[in-house]
């Protein structure tokens, strides 16, 4: 699974399909849905950077993001 797909999956679990970067990183770490090449889960800064690259799926809100379209 790619990181933007893992972010979308994590947001699907949250109320209003939105959450903080830290909250999303925690869900991804718990689920093990994405692991970096070094074996660690992505930090919240990587979640933020990836969300910026996939604006067709995510909208920045306050200190986090909201899912605006299902990730495919």
N, C-alpha and C. Protein backbone atom coordinates (compact mmCIF):
# COMPACT_ATOMS: atom_id res chain seq x y z
N UNK A 1 0.86 -1.18 0.00
CA UNK A 1 0.00 0.00 0.00
C UNK A 1 0.90 1.24 0.00
N UNK A 2 0.53 2.21 -0.81
CA UNK A 2 1.26 3.47 -0.86
C UNK A 2 0.81 4.37 0.29
N UNK A 3 1.66 5.35 0.62
CA UNK A 3 1.35 6.20 1.77
C UNK A 3 0.04 6.96 1.60
N UNK A 4 -0.21 7.53 0.45
CA UNK A 4 -1.46 8.29 0.30
C UNK A 4 -2.68 7.37 0.43
N UNK A 5 -2.54 6.11 0.05
CA UNK A 5 -3.63 5.15 0.24
C UNK A 5 -3.83 4.84 1.73
N UNK A 6 -2.72 4.71 2.47
CA UNK A 6 -2.80 4.46 3.91
C UNK A 6 -3.42 5.66 4.63
N UNK A 7 -3.09 6.87 4.17
CA UNK A 7 -3.68 8.08 4.77
C UNK A 7 -5.20 8.07 4.54
N UNK A 8 -5.60 7.76 3.32
CA UNK A 8 -7.04 7.70 3.01
C UNK A 8 -7.75 6.66 3.85
N UNK A 9 -7.13 5.50 4.01
CA UNK A 9 -7.72 4.43 4.82
C UNK A 9 -7.87 4.88 6.28
N UNK A 10 -6.85 5.55 6.80
CA UNK A 10 -6.89 6.03 8.19
C UNK A 10 -7.99 7.07 8.36
N UNK A 11 -8.12 7.97 7.40
CA UNK A 11 -9.15 9.02 7.48
C UNK A 11 -10.55 8.44 7.41
N UNK A 12 -10.72 7.34 6.70
CA UNK A 12 -12.03 6.68 6.62
C UNK A 12 -12.50 6.23 8.01
N UNK A 13 -11.57 5.94 8.90
CA UNK A 13 -11.90 5.47 10.25
C UNK A 13 -12.30 6.60 11.20
N UNK A 14 -11.94 7.82 10.86
CA UNK A 14 -12.14 8.95 11.78
C UNK A 14 -13.47 9.66 11.54
N UNK A 15 -14.04 10.23 12.62
CA UNK A 15 -15.28 11.01 12.46
C UNK A 15 -15.05 12.17 11.49
N UNK A 16 -16.01 12.44 10.67
CA UNK A 16 -15.95 13.52 9.67
C UNK A 16 -14.83 13.31 8.64
N UNK A 17 -14.21 12.13 8.65
CA UNK A 17 -13.11 11.80 7.74
C UNK A 17 -12.02 12.86 7.77
N UNK A 18 -11.71 13.35 8.98
CA UNK A 18 -10.65 14.33 9.15
C UNK A 18 -9.91 14.06 10.45
N UNK A 19 -8.65 14.50 10.49
CA UNK A 19 -7.86 14.30 11.70
C UNK A 19 -6.53 15.02 11.62
N UNK A 20 -5.85 15.08 12.74
CA UNK A 20 -4.54 15.72 12.79
C UNK A 20 -3.50 14.79 12.17
N UNK A 21 -2.38 15.36 11.77
CA UNK A 21 -1.30 14.56 11.18
C UNK A 21 -0.81 13.51 12.18
N UNK A 22 -0.72 13.90 13.43
CA UNK A 22 -0.26 12.98 14.47
C UNK A 22 -1.25 11.82 14.64
N UNK A 23 -2.52 12.13 14.63
CA UNK A 23 -3.57 11.12 14.77
C UNK A 23 -3.52 10.12 13.61
N UNK A 24 -3.35 10.64 12.40
CA UNK A 24 -3.27 9.79 11.21
C UNK A 24 -2.03 8.91 11.26
N UNK A 25 -0.89 9.49 11.65
CA UNK A 25 0.35 8.73 11.77
C UNK A 25 0.19 7.61 12.80
N UNK A 26 -0.51 7.88 13.87
CA UNK A 26 -0.74 6.88 14.91
C UNK A 26 -1.57 5.71 14.38
N UNK A 27 -2.60 6.00 13.61
CA UNK A 27 -3.45 4.94 13.04
C UNK A 27 -2.64 4.10 12.05
N UNK A 28 -1.86 4.74 11.20
CA UNK A 28 -1.04 4.01 10.23
C UNK A 28 -0.02 3.13 10.95
N UNK A 29 0.57 3.64 12.00
CA UNK A 29 1.53 2.87 12.79
C UNK A 29 0.86 1.67 13.44
N UNK A 30 -0.32 1.89 14.02
CA UNK A 30 -1.06 0.81 14.69
C UNK A 30 -1.45 -0.29 13.71
N UNK A 31 -1.96 0.12 12.54
CA UNK A 31 -2.41 -0.84 11.54
C UNK A 31 -1.28 -1.50 10.77
N UNK A 32 -0.13 -0.82 10.71
CA UNK A 32 0.98 -1.32 9.91
C UNK A 32 0.67 -1.25 8.42
N UNK A 33 -0.23 -0.34 8.04
CA UNK A 33 -0.65 -0.25 6.64
C UNK A 33 0.41 0.36 5.74
N UNK A 34 1.37 1.07 6.32
CA UNK A 34 2.49 1.62 5.55
C UNK A 34 3.72 1.64 6.44
N UNK A 35 4.82 1.13 5.91
CA UNK A 35 6.09 1.13 6.63
C UNK A 35 7.15 1.66 5.67
N UNK A 36 7.98 2.58 6.14
CA UNK A 36 9.04 3.14 5.31
C UNK A 36 10.10 2.08 5.04
N UNK A 37 11.00 2.37 4.12
CA UNK A 37 12.07 1.42 3.78
C UNK A 37 12.97 1.11 4.97
N UNK A 38 13.07 2.05 5.92
CA UNK A 38 13.89 1.81 7.11
C UNK A 38 13.16 1.02 8.19
N UNK A 39 11.92 0.61 7.91
CA UNK A 39 11.16 -0.22 8.83
C UNK A 39 10.30 0.53 9.83
N UNK A 40 10.35 1.85 9.79
CA UNK A 40 9.58 2.67 10.73
C UNK A 40 8.31 3.21 10.07
N UNK A 41 7.28 3.49 10.87
CA UNK A 41 6.08 4.12 10.31
C UNK A 41 6.39 5.57 9.95
N UNK A 42 5.59 6.17 9.09
CA UNK A 42 5.85 7.56 8.68
C UNK A 42 5.58 8.55 9.80
N UNK A 43 6.43 9.58 9.94
CA UNK A 43 6.17 10.63 10.92
C UNK A 43 5.07 11.56 10.40
N UNK A 44 4.54 12.36 11.27
CA UNK A 44 3.45 13.27 10.89
C UNK A 44 3.91 14.25 9.81
N UNK A 45 5.18 14.62 9.79
CA UNK A 45 5.67 15.54 8.76
C UNK A 45 5.59 14.91 7.37
N UNK A 46 5.80 13.61 7.28
CA UNK A 46 5.69 12.92 6.00
C UNK A 46 4.23 12.83 5.56
N UNK A 47 3.33 12.67 6.53
CA UNK A 47 1.90 12.66 6.24
C UNK A 47 1.50 14.01 5.63
N UNK A 48 1.97 15.10 6.23
CA UNK A 48 1.67 16.44 5.75
C UNK A 48 2.21 16.65 4.33
N UNK A 49 3.44 16.25 4.10
CA UNK A 49 4.06 16.43 2.79
C UNK A 49 3.30 15.63 1.72
N UNK A 50 2.92 14.41 2.03
CA UNK A 50 2.21 13.58 1.05
C UNK A 50 0.82 14.15 0.75
N UNK A 51 0.16 14.67 1.78
CA UNK A 51 -1.15 15.29 1.58
C UNK A 51 -1.05 16.49 0.64
N UNK A 52 0.04 17.23 0.73
CA UNK A 52 0.25 18.37 -0.17
C UNK A 52 0.37 17.92 -1.62
N UNK A 53 0.93 16.74 -1.84
CA UNK A 53 1.12 16.23 -3.20
C UNK A 53 -0.14 15.60 -3.78
N UNK A 54 -1.12 15.34 -2.94
CA UNK A 54 -2.36 14.69 -3.39
C UNK A 54 -3.57 15.52 -3.01
N UNK A 55 -3.57 16.76 -3.48
CA UNK A 55 -4.66 17.68 -3.14
C UNK A 55 -5.99 17.28 -3.76
N UNK A 56 -5.96 16.36 -4.71
CA UNK A 56 -7.22 15.88 -5.27
C UNK A 56 -7.96 14.98 -4.27
N UNK A 57 -7.26 14.48 -3.25
CA UNK A 57 -7.87 13.62 -2.23
C UNK A 57 -8.01 14.28 -0.86
N UNK A 58 -7.08 15.19 -0.53
CA UNK A 58 -7.02 15.74 0.83
C UNK A 58 -7.10 17.26 0.83
N UNK A 59 -7.80 17.78 1.84
CA UNK A 59 -7.89 19.22 2.04
C UNK A 59 -7.26 19.55 3.39
N UNK A 60 -6.39 20.54 3.41
CA UNK A 60 -5.77 20.96 4.67
C UNK A 60 -6.79 21.71 5.51
N UNK A 61 -6.87 21.34 6.78
CA UNK A 61 -7.75 22.02 7.73
C UNK A 61 -7.00 22.18 9.04
N UNK A 62 -6.97 23.36 9.58
CA UNK A 62 -6.30 23.57 10.86
C UNK A 62 -4.97 22.88 10.95
N UNK A 63 -4.83 21.95 11.89
CA UNK A 63 -3.59 21.20 12.08
C UNK A 63 -3.65 19.81 11.49
N UNK A 64 -4.44 19.64 10.44
CA UNK A 64 -4.55 18.30 9.87
C UNK A 64 -5.15 18.34 8.48
N UNK A 65 -5.78 17.23 8.11
CA UNK A 65 -6.36 17.12 6.78
C UNK A 65 -7.73 16.44 6.84
N UNK A 66 -8.47 16.65 5.76
CA UNK A 66 -9.78 16.04 5.60
C UNK A 66 -9.80 15.30 4.27
N UNK A 67 -10.42 14.13 4.26
CA UNK A 67 -10.58 13.35 3.05
C UNK A 67 -11.72 13.95 2.24
N UNK A 68 -11.43 14.37 1.01
CA UNK A 68 -12.48 14.98 0.18
C UNK A 68 -12.91 14.06 -0.96
N UNK A 69 -12.14 13.03 -1.21
CA UNK A 69 -12.46 12.07 -2.27
C UNK A 69 -11.80 10.74 -1.92
N UNK A 70 -12.48 9.65 -2.15
CA UNK A 70 -11.94 8.33 -1.86
C UNK A 70 -10.67 8.11 -2.65
N UNK A 71 -9.64 7.63 -1.96
CA UNK A 71 -8.34 7.36 -2.58
C UNK A 71 -8.41 6.06 -3.33
N UNK A 72 -7.95 6.07 -4.58
CA UNK A 72 -7.99 4.86 -5.41
C UNK A 72 -6.59 4.40 -5.73
